[in-house]
């Protein structure tokens, strides 16, 4: 995550092991910035969701 100097707003990137790189990400709201909790919620929903449910 990187601080973007806007009232506690943060941008974040997800690591892609397959390409050994970070890629800037958007939150589900479509915003490029949010709180650290927003970023964690987004990352967890992408990587910890059981697709077999």
C-alpha atoms as a PDB file:
ATOM      1  CA  UNK A   1       0.000   0.000   0.000  1.00  0.00           C
ATOM      2  CA  UNK A   2       1.112   3.541  -0.598  1.00  0.00           C
ATOM      3  CA  UNK A   3      -0.136   6.697   1.073  1.00  0.00           C
ATOM      4  CA  UNK A   4      -1.499   9.242  -1.417  1.00  0.00           C
ATOM      5  CA  UNK A   5      -1.666  12.321   0.862  1.00  0.00           C
ATOM      6  CA  UNK A   6      -5.438  12.655   0.785  1.00  0.00           C
ATOM      7  CA  UNK A   7      -6.893  12.515   4.252  1.00  0.00           C
ATOM      8  CA  UNK A   8      -5.866   8.996   5.186  1.00  0.00           C
ATOM      9  CA  UNK A   9      -6.521   7.551   1.729  1.00  0.00           C
ATOM     10  CA  UNK A  10      -4.220   4.832   0.421  1.00  0.00           C
ATOM     11  CA  UNK A  11      -3.593   3.295  -2.970  1.00  0.00           C
ATOM     12  CA  UNK A  12      -2.677  -0.373  -3.093  1.00  0.00           C
ATOM     13  CA  UNK A  13      -1.278  -3.014  -5.392  1.00  0.00           C
ATOM     14  CA  UNK A  14      -1.597  -6.782  -5.428  1.00  0.00           C
ATOM     15  CA  UNK A  15       1.393  -9.056  -5.887  1.00  0.00           C
ATOM     16  CA  UNK A  16       1.186 -11.500  -8.772  1.00  0.00           C
ATOM     17  CA  UNK A  17       3.568 -14.378  -8.058  1.00  0.00           C
ATOM     18  CA  UNK A  18       3.170 -15.741 -11.582  1.00  0.00           C
ATOM     19  CA  UNK A  19       4.773 -12.605 -12.999  1.00  0.00           C
ATOM     20  CA  UNK A  20       6.820 -11.649  -9.915  1.00  0.00           C
ATOM     21  CA  UNK A  21       5.365  -8.143  -9.938  1.00  0.00           C
ATOM     22  CA  UNK A  22       2.948  -5.788  -8.197  1.00  0.00           C
ATOM     23  CA  UNK A  23      -0.011  -4.365 -10.099  1.00  0.00           C
ATOM     24  CA  UNK A  24      -2.038  -1.311  -9.049  1.00  0.00           C
ATOM     25  CA  UNK A  25      -5.552  -2.320  -8.034  1.00  0.00           C
ATOM     26  CA  UNK A  26      -8.984  -0.770  -7.719  1.00  0.00           C
ATOM     27  CA  UNK A  27     -11.372  -1.313  -4.847  1.00  0.00           C
ATOM     28  CA  UNK A  28     -14.772  -2.913  -5.531  1.00  0.00           C
ATOM     29  CA  UNK A  29     -16.233   0.607  -5.378  1.00  0.00           C
ATOM     30  CA  UNK A  30     -14.119   1.500  -8.421  1.00  0.00           C
ATOM     31  CA  UNK A  31     -11.943   3.895  -6.432  1.00  0.00           C
ATOM     32  CA  UNK A  32      -8.159   3.763  -6.703  1.00  0.00           C
ATOM     33  CA  UNK A  33      -7.813   4.860  -3.059  1.00  0.00           C
ATOM     34  CA  UNK A  34      -9.323   3.888   0.278  1.00  0.00           C
ATOM     35  CA  UNK A  35      -8.502   2.979   3.840  1.00  0.00           C
ATOM     36  CA  UNK A  36      -6.059   0.184   4.709  1.00  0.00           C
ATOM     37  CA  UNK A  37      -9.099  -1.847   5.853  1.00  0.00           C
ATOM     38  CA  UNK A  38     -10.689  -1.370   2.408  1.00  0.00           C
ATOM     39  CA  UNK A  39      -7.537  -2.694   0.744  1.00  0.00           C
ATOM     40  CA  UNK A  40      -7.330  -5.691   3.073  1.00  0.00           C
ATOM     41  CA  UNK A  41     -11.013  -6.519   2.567  1.00  0.00           C
ATOM     42  CA  UNK A  42     -10.537  -6.366  -1.198  1.00  0.00           C
ATOM     43  CA  UNK A  43      -7.396  -8.532  -1.202  1.00  0.00           C
ATOM     44  CA  UNK A  44      -8.966 -11.103   1.129  1.00  0.00           C
ATOM     45  CA  UNK A  45     -12.102 -11.337  -0.968  1.00  0.00           C
ATOM     46  CA  UNK A  46      -9.951 -12.004  -4.059  1.00  0.00           C
ATOM     47  CA  UNK A  47      -7.541 -14.514  -2.548  1.00  0.00           C
ATOM     48  CA  UNK A  48      -9.427 -16.176   0.300  1.00  0.00           C
ATOM     49  CA  UNK A  49     -12.771 -16.831  -1.384  1.00  0.00           C
ATOM     50  CA  UNK A  50     -13.659 -20.507  -1.723  1.00  0.00           C
ATOM     51  CA  UNK A  51     -14.745 -20.914  -5.336  1.00  0.00           C
ATOM     52  CA  UNK A  52     -16.118 -24.402  -4.630  1.00  0.00           C
ATOM     53  CA  UNK A  53     -19.010 -23.188  -2.465  1.00  0.00           C
END
